[in-house]
Amino acid sequence: MRRHSVTAERRFIVSNREAILDPTGQFDVPRAATLTPRIGNLAGARLGLLDNAKPNAALVLQTVAAQLRAQHHLGAVSTYTKSYFGTPVEEDRAKEIAQSCDAVIAGVGD
């Protein structure tokens, strides 16, 4: 699959007749934020589970947390739920999660 840059969009050429457009904007622009470094060891870590409020998200997150507890001896596990799956997590909730958790898993259900 060849990729061609187009102003304010990304275009992925699938065949001579079809293209898939990615409407996320220009991709050569530097990011305003950086990702937090990965946690080195989960033993004793405070884990946050962010449920996006879709069906089965909580079940998937709880299952993953149970596996991590068994394999990596996690510390406390806290569950947070977004108010609506179609919107980003609220700013104050994101700050609360960042302050009280060493690692966070965001779950998508359905």
PDB file of N, CA and C in Angstrom:
ATOM      1  N   MET A   1       0.842  -1.164   0.000  1.00  0.00           N
ATOM      2  CA  MET A   1       0.000   0.000   0.000  1.00  0.00           C
ATOM      3  C   MET A   1       0.896   1.239   0.000  1.00  0.00           C
ATOM      4  N   ARG A   2       0.766   2.092  -1.007  1.00  0.00           N
ATOM      5  CA  ARG A   2       1.540   3.324  -1.091  1.00  0.00           C
ATOM      6  C   ARG A   2       0.813   4.427  -0.342  1.00  0.00           C
ATOM      7  N   ARG A   3       1.571   5.341   0.227  1.00  0.00           N
ATOM      8  CA  ARG A   3       0.986   6.463   0.946  1.00  0.00           C
ATOM      9  C   ARG A   3       1.384   7.758   0.263  1.00  0.00           C
ATOM     10  N   HIS A   4       0.421   8.611  -0.010  1.00  0.00           N
ATOM     11  CA  HIS A   4       0.689   9.894  -0.621  1.00  0.00           C
ATOM     12  C   HIS A   4       0.203  10.990   0.296  1.00  0.00           C
ATOM     13  N   SER A   5       1.016  12.001   0.489  1.00  0.00           N
ATOM     14  CA  SER A   5       0.636  13.135   1.327  1.00  0.00           C
ATOM     15  C   SER A   5      -0.199  14.112   0.515  1.00  0.00           C
ATOM     16  N   VAL A   6      -1.289  14.550   1.094  1.00  0.00           N
ATOM     17  CA  VAL A   6      -2.154  15.541   0.478  1.00  0.00           C
ATOM     18  C   VAL A   6      -2.395  16.603   1.541  1.00  0.00           C
ATOM     19  N   THR A   7      -2.507  17.845   1.157  1.00  0.00           N
ATOM     20  CA  THR A   7      -2.721  18.908   2.129  1.00  0.00           C
ATOM     21  C   THR A   7      -3.908  18.591   3.016  1.00  0.00           C
ATOM     22  N   ALA A   8      -3.672  18.635   4.323  1.00  0.00           N
ATOM     23  CA  ALA A   8      -4.682  18.448   5.368  1.00  0.00           C
ATOM     24  C   ALA A   8      -5.363  17.083   5.354  1.00  0.00           C
ATOM     25  N   GLU A   9      -4.790  16.115   4.707  1.00  0.00           N
ATOM     26  CA  GLU A   9      -5.348  14.757   4.753  1.00  0.00           C
ATOM     27  C   GLU A   9      -4.276  13.752   4.387  1.00  0.00           C
ATOM     28  N   ARG A  10      -4.506  12.517   4.768  1.00  0.00           N
ATOM     29  CA  ARG A  10      -3.634  11.425   4.334  1.00  0.00           C
ATOM     30  C   ARG A  10      -4.431  10.583   3.353  1.00  0.00           C
ATOM     31  N   ARG A  11      -3.778  10.124   2.335  1.00  0.00           N
ATOM     32  CA  ARG A  11      -4.439   9.323   1.317  1.00  0.00           C
ATOM     33  C   ARG A  11      -3.682   8.011   1.191  1.00  0.00           C
ATOM     34  N   PHE A  12      -4.379   6.911   1.359  1.00  0.00           N
ATOM     35  CA  PHE A  12      -3.792   5.584   1.224  1.00  0.00           C
ATOM     36  C   PHE A  12      -4.321   4.990  -0.075  1.00  0.00           C
ATOM     37  N   ILE A  13      -3.440   4.728  -1.009  1.00  0.00           N
ATOM     38  CA  ILE A  13      -3.830   4.193  -2.304  1.00  0.00           C
ATOM     39  C   ILE A  13      -3.999   2.680  -2.160  1.00  0.00           C
ATOM     40  N   VAL A  14      -5.195   2.190  -2.415  1.00  0.00           N
ATOM     41  CA  VAL A  14      -5.497   0.779  -2.298  1.00  0.00           C
ATOM     42  C   VAL A  14      -5.369   0.096  -3.650  1.00  0.00           C
ATOM     43  N   SER A  15      -5.832   0.738  -4.690  1.00  0.00           N
ATOM     44  CA  SER A  15      -5.715   0.201  -6.040  1.00  0.00           C
ATOM     45  C   SER A  15      -5.697   1.389  -7.003  1.00  0.00           C
ATOM     46  N   ASN A  16      -5.705   1.104  -8.290  1.00  0.00           N
ATOM     47  CA  ASN A  16      -5.713   2.197  -9.262  1.00  0.00           C
ATOM     48  C   ASN A  16      -7.024   2.984  -9.239  1.00  0.00           C
ATOM     49  N   ARG A  17      -8.098   2.373  -8.719  1.00  0.00           N
ATOM     50  CA  ARG A  17      -9.396   3.034  -8.727  1.00  0.00           C
ATOM     51  C   ARG A  17      -9.833   3.538  -7.357  1.00  0.00           C
ATOM     52  N   GLU A  18      -9.232   3.039  -6.269  1.00  0.00           N
ATOM     53  CA  GLU A  18      -9.727   3.355  -4.939  1.00  0.00           C
ATOM     54  C   GLU A  18      -8.655   3.957  -4.064  1.00  0.00           C
ATOM     55  N   ALA A  19      -9.076   4.826  -3.171  1.00  0.00           N
ATOM     56  CA  ALA A  19      -8.188   5.399  -2.175  1.00  0.00           C
ATOM     57  C   ALA A  19      -8.969   5.538  -0.878  1.00  0.00           C
ATOM     58  N   ILE A  20      -8.267   5.393   0.214  1.00  0.00           N
ATOM     59  CA  ILE A  20      -8.889   5.595   1.518  1.00  0.00           C
ATOM     60  C   ILE A  20      -8.324   6.906   2.063  1.00  0.00           C
ATOM     61  N   LEU A  21      -9.203   7.815   2.443  1.00  0.00           N
ATOM     62  CA  LEU A  21      -8.770   9.092   2.985  1.00  0.00           C
ATOM     63  C   LEU A  21      -8.808   9.048   4.497  1.00  0.00           C
ATOM     64  N   ASP A  22      -7.779   9.547   5.122  1.00  0.00           N
ATOM     65  CA  ASP A  22      -7.701   9.661   6.573  1.00  0.00           C
ATOM     66  C   ASP A  22      -7.896  11.136   6.916  1.00  0.00           C
ATOM     67  N   PRO A  23      -9.016  11.504   7.516  1.00  0.00           N
ATOM     68  CA  PRO A  23      -9.344  12.918   7.745  1.00  0.00           C
ATOM     69  C   PRO A  23      -8.717  13.511   9.002  1.00  0.00           C
ATOM     70  N   THR A  24      -7.695  12.891   9.558  1.00  0.00           N
ATOM     71  CA  THR A  24      -7.139  13.373  10.815  1.00  0.00           C
ATOM     72  C   THR A  24      -6.227  14.578  10.639  1.00  0.00           C
ATOM     73  N   GLY A  25      -6.040  15.062   9.456  1.00  0.00           N
ATOM     74  CA  GLY A  25      -5.247  16.261   9.265  1.00  0.00           C
ATOM     75  C   GLY A  25      -3.815  15.966   8.868  1.00  0.00           C
ATOM     76  N   GLN A  26      -3.006  17.021   8.839  1.00  0.00           N
ATOM     77  CA  GLN A  26      -1.617  16.886   8.422  1.00  0.00           C
ATOM     78  C   GLN A  26      -0.855  16.041   9.427  1.00  0.00           C
ATOM     79  N   PHE A  27       0.006  15.187   8.932  1.00  0.00           N
ATOM     80  CA  PHE A  27       0.740  14.316   9.819  1.00  0.00           C
ATOM     81  C   PHE A  27       2.201  14.708   9.960  1.00  0.00           C
ATOM     82  N   ASP A  28       2.639  15.768   9.298  1.00  0.00           N
ATOM     83  CA  ASP A  28       4.010  16.232   9.429  1.00  0.00           C
ATOM     84  C   ASP A  28       4.146  17.322  10.492  1.00  0.00           C
ATOM     85  N   VAL A  29       3.064  17.644  11.152  1.00  0.00           N
ATOM     86  CA  VAL A  29       3.063  18.681  12.179  1.00  0.00           C
ATOM     87  C   VAL A  29       3.538  18.065  13.497  1.00  0.00           C
ATOM     88  N   PRO A  30       4.461  18.705  14.225  1.00  0.00           N
ATOM     89  CA  PRO A  30       4.921  18.140  15.490  1.00  0.00           C
ATOM     90  C   PRO A  30       3.792  18.073  16.515  1.00  0.00           C
ATOM     91  N   ARG A  31       3.833  17.042  17.356  1.00  0.00           N
ATOM     92  CA  ARG A  31       2.818  16.856  18.393  1.00  0.00           C
ATOM     93  C   ARG A  31       3.052  17.828  19.535  1.00  0.00           C
ATOM     94  N   ALA A  32       1.954  18.291  20.140  1.00  0.00           N
ATOM     95  CA  ALA A  32       2.037  19.212  21.270  1.00  0.00           C
ATOM     96  C   ALA A  32       2.292  18.460  22.573  1.00  0.00           C
ATOM     97  N   ALA A  33       2.024  17.179  22.605  1.00  0.00           N
ATOM     98  CA  ALA A  33       2.186  16.399  23.828  1.00  0.00           C
ATOM     99  C   ALA A  33       3.044  15.168  23.548  1.00  0.00           C
ATOM    100  N   THR A  34       3.571  14.607  24.606  1.00  0.00           N
ATOM    101  CA  THR A  34       4.345  13.380  24.477  1.00  0.00           C
ATOM    102  C   THR A  34       3.722  12.304  25.360  1.00  0.00           C
ATOM    103  N   LEU A  35       3.987  11.078  25.040  1.00  0.00           N
ATOM    104  CA  LEU A  35       3.474   9.966  25.834  1.00  0.00           C
ATOM    105  C   LEU A  35       4.326   9.785  27.084  1.00  0.00           C
ATOM    106  N   THR A  36       3.705   9.333  28.140  1.00  0.00           N
ATOM    107  CA  THR A  36       4.423   9.011  29.362  1.00  0.00           C
ATOM    108  C   THR A  36       5.231   7.745  29.130  1.00  0.00           C
ATOM    109  N   PRO A  37       6.440   7.665  29.671  1.00  0.00           N
ATOM    110  CA  PRO A  37       7.232   6.439  29.495  1.00  0.00           C
ATOM    111  C   PRO A  37       6.506   5.226  30.087  1.00  0.00           C
ATOM    112  N   ARG A  38       6.741   4.067  29.496  1.00  0.00           N
ATOM    113  CA  ARG A  38       6.145   2.831  30.003  1.00  0.00           C
ATOM    114  C   ARG A  38       6.674   2.511  31.389  1.00  0.00           C
ATOM    115  N   ILE A  39       5.816   1.897  32.191  1.00  0.00           N
ATOM    116  CA  ILE A  39       6.201   1.471  33.527  1.00  0.00           C
ATOM    117  C   ILE A  39       7.090   0.235  33.395  1.00  0.00           C
ATOM    118  N   GLY A  40       8.153   0.159  34.163  1.00  0.00           N
ATOM    119  CA  GLY A  40       9.104  -0.940  34.042  1.00  0.00           C
ATOM    120  C   GLY A  40       8.642  -2.230  34.691  1.00  0.00           C
ATOM    121  N   ASN A  41       7.944  -2.140  35.826  1.00  0.00           N
ATOM    122  CA  ASN A  41       7.559  -3.325  36.581  1.00  0.00           C
ATOM    123  C   ASN A  41       6.156  -3.117  37.142  1.00  0.00           C
ATOM    124  N   LEU A  42       5.292  -4.071  36.956  1.00  0.00           N
ATOM    125  CA  LEU A  42       3.909  -3.942  37.431  1.00  0.00           C
ATOM    126  C   LEU A  42       3.714  -4.384  38.879  1.00  0.00           C
ATOM    127  N   ALA A  43       4.699  -5.031  39.468  1.00  0.00           N
ATOM    128  CA  ALA A  43       4.570  -5.511  40.848  1.00  0.00           C
ATOM    129  C   ALA A  43       4.316  -4.323  41.776  1.00  0.00           C
ATOM    130  N   GLY A  44       3.184  -4.356  42.471  1.00  0.00           N
ATOM    131  CA  GLY A  44       2.813  -3.289  43.386  1.00  0.00           C
ATOM    132  C   GLY A  44       2.264  -2.038  42.734  1.00  0.00           C
ATOM    133  N   ALA A  45       2.216  -1.996  41.416  1.00  0.00           N
ATOM    134  CA  ALA A  45       1.740  -0.807  40.703  1.00  0.00           C
ATOM    135  C   ALA A  45       0.243  -0.601  40.911  1.00  0.00           C
ATOM    136  N   ARG A  46      -0.145   0.668  40.981  1.00  0.00           N
ATOM    137  CA  ARG A  46      -1.565   1.030  41.067  1.00  0.00           C
ATOM    138  C   ARG A  46      -2.098   1.111  39.643  1.00  0.00           C
ATOM    139  N   LEU A  47      -3.042   0.228  39.329  1.00  0.00           N
ATOM    140  CA  LEU A  47      -3.578   0.134  37.973  1.00  0.00           C
ATOM    141  C   LEU A  47      -4.941   0.794  37.886  1.00  0.00           C
ATOM    142  N   GLY A  48      -5.130   1.617  36.867  1.00  0.00           N
ATOM    143  CA  GLY A  48      -6.424   2.210  36.582  1.00  0.00           C
ATOM    144  C   GLY A  48      -7.038   1.537  35.368  1.00  0.00           C
ATOM    145  N   LEU A  49      -8.323   1.264  35.444  1.00  0.00           N
ATOM    146  CA  LEU A  49      -9.070   0.696  34.320  1.00  0.00           C
ATOM    147  C   LEU A  49     -10.063   1.755  33.869  1.00  0.00           C
ATOM    148  N   LEU A  50      -9.962   2.211  32.634  1.00  0.00           N
ATOM    149  CA  LEU A  50     -10.870   3.225  32.110  1.00  0.00           C
ATOM    150  C   LEU A  50     -11.881   2.566  31.187  1.00  0.00           C
ATOM    151  N   ASP A  51     -13.088   2.427  31.687  1.00  0.00           N
ATOM    152  CA  ASP A  51     -14.208   1.798  30.973  1.00  0.00           C
ATOM    153  C   ASP A  51     -14.843   2.868  30.090  1.00  0.00           C
ATOM    154  N   ASN A  52     -14.977   2.591  28.797  1.00  0.00           N
ATOM    155  CA  ASN A  52     -15.557   3.590  27.900  1.00  0.00           C
ATOM    156  C   ASN A  52     -17.087   3.562  27.883  1.00  0.00           C
ATOM    157  N   ALA A  53     -17.705   2.775  28.753  1.00  0.00           N
ATOM    158  CA  ALA A  53     -19.169   2.709  28.924  1.00  0.00           C
ATOM    159  C   ALA A  53     -19.890   1.949  27.814  1.00  0.00           C
ATOM    160  N   LYS A  54     -19.155   1.229  26.982  1.00  0.00           N
ATOM    161  CA  LYS A  54     -19.795   0.384  25.976  1.00  0.00           C
ATOM    162  C   LYS A  54     -20.032  -0.994  26.571  1.00  0.00           C
ATOM    163  N   PRO A  55     -20.984  -1.729  26.004  1.00  0.00           N
ATOM    164  CA  PRO A  55     -21.240  -3.080  26.501  1.00  0.00           C
ATOM    165  C   PRO A  55     -19.969  -3.936  26.450  1.00  0.00           C
ATOM    166  N   ASN A  56     -19.744  -4.686  27.483  1.00  0.00           N
ATOM    167  CA  ASN A  56     -18.630  -5.629  27.624  1.00  0.00           C
ATOM    168  C   ASN A  56     -17.278  -5.003  27.937  1.00  0.00           C
ATOM    169  N   ALA A  57     -17.169  -3.689  27.950  1.00  0.00           N
ATOM    170  CA  ALA A  57     -15.880  -3.059  28.275  1.00  0.00           C
ATOM    171  C   ALA A  57     -15.454  -3.429  29.694  1.00  0.00           C
ATOM    172  N   ALA A  58     -16.371  -3.360  30.643  1.00  0.00           N
ATOM    173  CA  ALA A  58     -16.038  -3.671  32.040  1.00  0.00           C
ATOM    174  C   ALA A  58     -15.571  -5.124  32.169  1.00  0.00           C
ATOM    175  N   LEU A  59     -16.248  -6.033  31.493  1.00  0.00           N
ATOM    176  CA  LEU A  59     -15.873  -7.444  31.546  1.00  0.00           C
ATOM    177  C   LEU A  59     -14.462  -7.663  30.997  1.00  0.00           C
ATOM    178  N   VAL A  60     -14.156  -7.048  29.878  1.00  0.00           N
ATOM    179  CA  VAL A  60     -12.824  -7.185  29.278  1.00  0.00           C
ATOM    180  C   VAL A  60     -11.771  -6.618  30.232  1.00  0.00           C
ATOM    181  N   LEU A  61     -12.023  -5.435  30.778  1.00  0.00           N
ATOM    182  CA  LEU A  61     -11.056  -4.816  31.676  1.00  0.00           C
ATOM    183  C   LEU A  61     -10.842  -5.630  32.942  1.00  0.00           C
ATOM    184  N   GLN A  62     -11.908  -6.136  33.521  1.00  0.00           N
ATOM    185  CA  GLN A  62     -11.779  -6.943  34.738  1.00  0.00           C
ATOM    186  C   GLN A  62     -11.013  -8.236  34.459  1.00  0.00           C
ATOM    187  N   THR A  63     -11.221  -8.820  33.305  1.00  0.00           N
ATOM    188  CA  THR A  63     -10.507 -10.041  32.925  1.00  0.00           C
ATOM    189  C   THR A  63      -9.013  -9.765  32.749  1.00  0.00           C
ATOM    190  N   VAL A  64      -8.691  -8.672  32.086  1.00  0.00           N
ATOM    191  CA  VAL A  64      -7.289  -8.295  31.908  1.00  0.00           C
ATOM    192  C   VAL A  64      -6.651  -8.019  33.272  1.00  0.00           C
ATOM    193  N   ALA A  65      -7.355  -7.287  34.136  1.00  0.00           N
ATOM    194  CA  ALA A  65      -6.824  -6.976  35.469  1.00  0.00           C
ATOM    195  C   ALA A  65      -6.576  -8.247  36.277  1.00  0.00           C
ATOM    196  N   ALA A  66      -7.481  -9.218  36.186  1.00  0.00           N
ATOM    197  CA  ALA A  66      -7.303 -10.475  36.921  1.00  0.00           C
ATOM    198  C   ALA A  66      -6.046 -11.205  36.447  1.00  0.00           C
ATOM    199  N   GLN A  67      -5.807 -11.208  35.148  1.00  0.00           N
ATOM    200  CA  GLN A  67      -4.608 -11.844  34.602  1.00  0.00           C
ATOM    201  C   GLN A  67      -3.343 -11.118  35.059  1.00  0.00           C
ATOM    202  N   LEU A  68      -3.390  -9.801  35.038  1.00  0.00           N
ATOM    203  CA  LEU A  68      -2.227  -9.020  35.474  1.00  0.00           C
ATOM    204  C   LEU A  68      -1.960  -9.204  36.962  1.00  0.00           C
ATOM    205  N   ARG A  69      -3.035  -9.281  37.762  1.00  0.00           N
ATOM    206  CA  ARG A  69      -2.864  -9.527  39.207  1.00  0.00           C
ATOM    207  C   ARG A  69      -2.154 -10.854  39.436  1.00  0.00           C
ATOM    208  N   ALA A  70      -2.607 -11.873  38.735  1.00  0.00           N
ATOM    209  CA  ALA A  70      -2.049 -13.217  38.907  1.00  0.00           C
ATOM    210  C   ALA A  70      -0.597 -13.308  38.431  1.00  0.00           C
ATOM    211  N   GLN A  71      -0.285 -12.641  37.347  1.00  0.00           N
ATOM    212  CA  GLN A  71       1.042 -12.778  36.755  1.00  0.00           C
ATOM    213  C   GLN A  71       2.061 -11.757  37.257  1.00  0.00           C
ATOM    214  N   HIS A  72       1.580 -10.567  37.694  1.00  0.00           N
ATOM    215  CA  HIS A  72       2.517  -9.485  38.011  1.00  0.00           C
ATOM    216  C   HIS A  72       2.333  -8.896  39.405  1.00  0.00           C
ATOM    217  N   HIS A  73       1.427  -9.454  40.199  1.00  0.00           N
ATOM    218  CA  HIS A  73       1.241  -9.019  41.591  1.00  0.00           C
ATOM    219  C   HIS A  73       1.000  -7.516  41.707  1.00  0.00           C
ATOM    220  N   LEU A  74      -0.022  -7.051  41.004  1.00  0.00           N
ATOM    221  CA  LEU A  74      -0.392  -5.635  41.030  1.00  0.00           C
ATOM    222  C   LEU A  74      -0.729  -5.166  42.432  1.00  0.00           C
ATOM    223  N   GLY A  75      -0.670  -3.855  42.604  1.00  0.00           N
ATOM    224  CA  GLY A  75      -1.167  -3.235  43.820  1.00  0.00           C
ATOM    225  C   GLY A  75      -2.666  -3.020  43.659  1.00  0.00           C
ATOM    226  N   ALA A  76      -3.140  -1.858  44.067  1.00  0.00           N
ATOM    227  CA  ALA A  76      -4.570  -1.529  43.980  1.00  0.00           C
ATOM    228  C   ALA A  76      -5.007  -1.400  42.523  1.00  0.00           C
ATOM    229  N   VAL A  77      -6.246  -1.802  42.265  1.00  0.00           N
ATOM    230  CA  VAL A  77      -6.845  -1.648  40.941  1.00  0.00           C
ATOM    231  C   VAL A  77      -8.103  -0.797  41.107  1.00  0.00           C
ATOM    232  N   SER A  78      -8.160   0.311  40.376  1.00  0.00           N
ATOM    233  CA  SER A  78      -9.302   1.227  40.440  1.00  0.00           C
ATOM    234  C   SER A  78      -9.970   1.289  39.078  1.00  0.00           C
ATOM    235  N   THR A  79     -11.300   1.290  39.077  1.00  0.00           N
ATOM    236  CA  THR A  79     -12.039   1.368  37.825  1.00  0.00           C
ATOM    237  C   THR A  79     -12.700   2.729  37.694  1.00  0.00           C
ATOM    238  N   TYR A  80     -12.579   3.313  36.525  1.00  0.00           N
ATOM    239  CA  TYR A  80     -13.186   4.607  36.198  1.00  0.00           C
ATOM    240  C   TYR A  80     -14.044   4.401  34.958  1.00  0.00           C
ATOM    241  N   THR A  81     -15.146   5.120  34.875  1.00  0.00           N
ATOM    242  CA  THR A  81     -16.039   4.977  33.722  1.00  0.00           C
ATOM    243  C   THR A  81     -16.280   6.329  33.080  1.00  0.00           C
ATOM    244  N   LYS A  82     -16.111   6.395  31.778  1.00  0.00           N
ATOM    245  CA  LYS A  82     -16.405   7.631  31.050  1.00  0.00           C
ATOM    246  C   LYS A  82     -17.910   7.881  31.081  1.00  0.00           C
ATOM    247  N   SER A  83     -18.297   9.143  30.954  1.00  0.00           N
ATOM    248  CA  SER A  83     -19.719   9.466  30.966  1.00  0.00           C
ATOM    249  C   SER A  83     -20.398   9.052  29.654  1.00  0.00           C
ATOM    250  N   TYR A  84     -19.651   9.066  28.555  1.00  0.00           N
ATOM    251  CA  TYR A  84     -20.208   8.685  27.258  1.00  0.00           C
ATOM    252  C   TYR A  84     -19.069   8.175  26.384  1.00  0.00           C
ATOM    253  N   PHE A  85     -19.283   7.064  25.698  1.00  0.00           N
ATOM    254  CA  PHE A  85     -18.202   6.440  24.922  1.00  0.00           C
ATOM    255  C   PHE A  85     -17.723   7.287  23.754  1.00  0.00           C
ATOM    256  N   GLY A  86     -18.556   8.174  23.250  1.00  0.00           N
ATOM    257  CA  GLY A  86     -18.223   8.945  22.058  1.00  0.00           C
ATOM    258  C   GLY A  86     -17.451  10.223  22.317  1.00  0.00           C
ATOM    259  N   THR A  87     -17.102  10.494  23.566  1.00  0.00           N
ATOM    260  CA  THR A  87     -16.360  11.708  23.889  1.00  0.00           C
ATOM    261  C   THR A  87     -15.097  11.355  24.666  1.00  0.00           C
ATOM    262  N   PRO A  88     -14.114  12.240  24.635  1.00  0.00           N
ATOM    263  CA  PRO A  88     -12.900  11.985  25.423  1.00  0.00           C
ATOM    264  C   PRO A  88     -13.217  12.010  26.916  1.00  0.00           C
ATOM    265  N   VAL A  89     -12.351  11.421  27.709  1.00  0.00           N
ATOM    266  CA  VAL A  89     -12.514  11.461  29.157  1.00  0.00           C
ATOM    267  C   VAL A  89     -12.402  12.929  29.593  1.00  0.00           C
ATOM    268  N   GLU A  90     -13.205  13.295  30.574  1.00  0.00           N
ATOM    269  CA  GLU A  90     -13.219  14.672  31.048  1.00  0.00           C
ATOM    270  C   GLU A  90     -11.857  15.042  31.635  1.00  0.00           C
ATOM    271  N   GLU A  91     -11.463  16.290  31.477  1.00  0.00           N
ATOM    272  CA  GLU A  91     -10.143  16.763  31.922  1.00  0.00           C
ATOM    273  C   GLU A  91      -9.908  16.517  33.408  1.00  0.00           C
ATOM    274  N   ASP A  92     -10.884  16.826  34.259  1.00  0.00           N
ATOM    275  CA  ASP A  92     -10.694  16.630  35.701  1.00  0.00           C
ATOM    276  C   ASP A  92     -10.582  15.147  36.049  1.00  0.00           C
ATOM    277  N   ARG A  93     -11.324  14.302  35.342  1.00  0.00           N
ATOM    278  CA  ARG A  93     -11.232  12.858  35.562  1.00  0.00           C
ATOM    279  C   ARG A  93      -9.875  12.343  35.109  1.00  0.00           C
ATOM    280  N   ALA A  94      -9.363  12.841  33.983  1.00  0.00           N
ATOM    281  CA  ALA A  94      -8.048  12.427  33.489  1.00  0.00           C
ATOM    282  C   ALA A  94      -6.953  12.788  34.496  1.00  0.00           C
ATOM    283  N   LYS A  95      -7.049  13.965  35.088  1.00  0.00           N
ATOM    284  CA  LYS A  95      -6.060  14.378  36.098  1.00  0.00           C
ATOM    285  C   LYS A  95      -6.142  13.487  37.327  1.00  0.00           C
ATOM    286  N   GLU A  96      -7.361  13.170  37.756  1.00  0.00           N
ATOM    287  CA  GLU A  96      -7.562  12.283  38.910  1.00  0.00           C
ATOM    288  C   GLU A  96      -6.923  10.918  38.651  1.00  0.00           C
ATOM    289  N   ILE A  97      -7.161  10.379  37.476  1.00  0.00           N
ATOM    290  CA  ILE A  97      -6.601   9.070  37.115  1.00  0.00           C
ATOM    291  C   ILE A  97      -5.074   9.139  37.089  1.00  0.00           C
ATOM    292  N   ALA A  98      -4.529  10.173  36.473  1.00  0.00           N
ATOM    293  CA  ALA A  98      -3.070  10.310  36.366  1.00  0.00           C
ATOM    294  C   ALA A  98      -2.414  10.415  37.737  1.00  0.00           C
ATOM    295  N   GLN A  99      -3.074  11.085  38.671  1.00  0.00           N
ATOM    296  CA  GLN A  99      -2.500  11.265  40.005  1.00  0.00           C
ATOM    297  C   GLN A  99      -2.605  10.014  40.872  1.00  0.00           C
ATOM    298  N   SER A 100      -3.604   9.190  40.628  1.00  0.00           N
ATOM    299  CA  SER A 100      -3.824   8.045  41.524  1.00  0.00           C
ATOM    300  C   SER A 100      -3.403   6.697  40.933  1.00  0.00           C
ATOM    301  N   CYS A 101      -2.890   6.675  39.709  1.00  0.00           N
ATOM    302  CA  CYS A 101      -2.524   5.403  39.068  1.00  0.00           C
ATOM    303  C   CYS A 101      -1.116   5.481  38.493  1.00  0.00           C
ATOM    304  N   ASP A 102      -0.429   4.335  38.548  1.00  0.00           N
ATOM    305  CA  ASP A 102       0.893   4.225  37.928  1.00  0.00           C
ATOM    306  C   ASP A 102       0.785   3.802  36.465  1.00  0.00           C
ATOM    307  N   ALA A 103      -0.290   3.096  36.119  1.00  0.00           N
ATOM    308  CA  ALA A 103      -0.533   2.621  34.768  1.00  0.00           C
ATOM    309  C   ALA A 103      -2.047   2.583  34.550  1.00  0.00           C
ATOM    310  N   VAL A 104      -2.473   2.787  33.331  1.00  0.00           N
ATOM    311  CA  VAL A 104      -3.908   2.800  33.005  1.00  0.00           C
ATOM    312  C   VAL A 104      -4.149   1.990  31.733  1.00  0.00           C
ATOM    313  N   ILE A 105      -5.218   1.222  31.760  1.00  0.00           N
ATOM    314  CA  ILE A 105      -5.665   0.493  30.569  1.00  0.00           C
ATOM    315  C   ILE A 105      -7.026   1.060  30.195  1.00  0.00           C
ATOM    316  N   ALA A 106      -7.156   1.531  28.965  1.00  0.00           N
ATOM    317  CA  ALA A 106      -8.438   2.028  28.485  1.00  0.00           C
ATOM    318  C   ALA A 106      -9.103   0.906  27.704  1.00  0.00           C
ATOM    319  N   GLY A 107     -10.352   0.597  28.060  1.00  0.00           N
ATOM    320  CA  GLY A 107     -11.050  -0.526  27.437  1.00  0.00           C
ATOM    321  C   GLY A 107     -12.146  -0.086  26.504  1.00  0.00           C
ATOM    322  N   VAL A 108     -12.283  -0.800  25.420  1.00  0.00           N
ATOM    323  CA  VAL A 108     -13.328  -0.560  24.450  1.00  0.00           C
ATOM    324  C   VAL A 108     -14.162  -1.815  24.362  1.00  0.00           C
ATOM    325  N   GLY A 109     -15.448  -1.669  24.554  1.00  0.00           N
ATOM    326  CA  GLY A 109     -16.333  -2.824  24.506  1.00  0.00           C
ATOM    327  C   GLY A 109     -17.112  -2.917  23.215  1.00  0.00           C
ATOM    328  N   ASP A 110     -18.060  -3.819  23.202  1.00  0.00           N
ATOM    329  CA  ASP A 110     -19.024  -4.101  22.130  1.00  0.00           C
ATOM    330  C   ASP A 110     -18.994  -5.547  21.778  1.00  0.00           C
TER     331      ASP A 110
END
